[in-house]
Protein backbone atom coordinates (compact mmCIF):
# COMPACT_ATOMS: atom_id res chain seq x y z
CA MET A 1 41.84 198.03 148.50
CA LEU A 2 38.76 199.38 150.28
CA ARG A 3 36.46 197.73 147.73
CA ALA A 4 38.25 194.42 148.27
CA LEU A 5 37.78 194.72 152.03
CA ARG A 6 34.11 195.60 151.59
CA SER A 7 33.54 192.70 149.17
CA ALA A 8 35.16 190.37 151.73
CA GLY A 9 32.45 191.41 154.20
CA ILE A 10 34.67 193.48 156.47
CA THR A 11 32.88 196.41 158.10
CA PRO A 12 34.31 199.59 159.66
CA ASP A 13 33.16 198.40 163.08
CA MET A 14 35.42 195.36 162.76
CA PHE A 15 38.41 197.65 162.37
CA TYR A 16 37.29 199.78 165.33
CA PHE A 17 36.97 196.70 167.55
CA ALA A 18 40.34 195.39 166.34
CA SER A 19 41.86 198.76 167.25
CA LEU A 20 40.41 198.58 170.75
CA GLY A 21 41.49 194.95 171.05
CA SER A 22 45.07 195.78 170.11
CA ILE A 23 45.17 198.48 172.79
CA LEU A 24 44.01 195.96 175.38
CA LEU A 25 46.44 193.32 174.11
CA SER A 26 49.29 195.83 174.34
CA LEU A 27 48.40 196.58 177.96
CA VAL A 28 48.22 192.88 178.83
CA LEU A 29 51.57 192.21 177.20
CA TRP A 30 53.15 195.17 178.98
CA PHE A 31 52.12 193.91 182.42
CA LEU A 32 52.92 190.21 181.88
CA PRO A 33 55.12 188.78 184.57
CA ARG A 34 58.72 188.64 183.37
CA SER A 35 61.18 185.92 184.29
CA GLY A 36 64.52 184.68 183.01
CA ASP A 37 67.56 186.64 181.88
CA ASP A 38 67.52 190.26 180.73
CA ALA A 39 66.74 189.39 177.10
CA GLU A 40 63.75 187.28 178.14
CA LYS A 41 62.47 190.01 180.47
CA ALA A 42 62.52 192.64 177.70
CA ARG A 43 60.69 190.53 175.10
CA PRO A 44 57.08 191.15 176.33
CA GLU A 45 57.82 194.85 176.64
CA ARG A 46 59.05 195.08 173.03
CA LEU A 47 56.09 193.04 171.83
CA ALA A 48 53.69 195.34 173.71
CA ILE A 49 55.23 198.39 172.03
CA PHE A 50 54.95 196.69 168.62
CA VAL A 51 51.28 195.80 169.17
CA GLY A 52 50.68 199.31 170.51
CA LEU A 53 51.52 200.70 167.08
CA TRP A 54 48.55 198.96 165.43
CA PRO A 55 45.54 200.96 166.79
CA PRO A 56 46.01 204.14 164.71
CA THR A 57 46.34 202.13 161.50
CA LEU A 58 43.32 199.96 162.26
CA PHE A 59 41.23 202.96 163.29
CA LEU A 60 42.11 204.87 160.11
CA MET A 61 41.32 201.86 157.94
CA GLY A 62 37.89 201.67 159.58
CA HIS A 63 37.41 205.39 159.09
CA ALA A 64 38.40 205.17 155.41
CA LEU A 65 36.05 202.24 154.90
CA ARG A 66 33.21 204.18 156.51
CA ALA A 67 33.93 207.31 154.46
CA GLU A 68 34.00 205.25 151.25
CA ALA A 69 30.66 203.59 152.05
CA PRO A 70 28.09 203.93 149.29
CA THR A 71 25.11 206.11 150.16
CA ASP A 72 21.53 205.46 149.15
CA THR A 73 20.64 209.11 148.70
CA ALA A 74 20.88 210.63 145.26
CA ILE A 75 22.53 213.99 144.86
CA GLU A 76 20.46 216.48 142.94
CA LEU A 77 22.39 219.03 140.96
CA PRO A 78 20.92 222.49 140.38
CA GLY A 79 19.83 223.18 136.84
CA PRO A 80 16.96 222.67 134.46
CA SER A 81 15.08 219.39 134.55
CA ILE A 82 15.00 217.41 131.35
């Protein structure tokens, strides 16, 4: 899955910004003015809680993508040279 994300051009920073964006979106949804009956008043609050669950997942996906990133440095193993 990580290779597919990388080949699609998605970078770890995109996941980090999406994580921050979902935190901000959750806060905005939580403080939206509520009107209507009780069911209508609770809807933004439930949506804010749902969106508030996304940041850890997005952050960890960015972290996994960064940890899986190919490095340009070669690893030299100890032993005789051939």
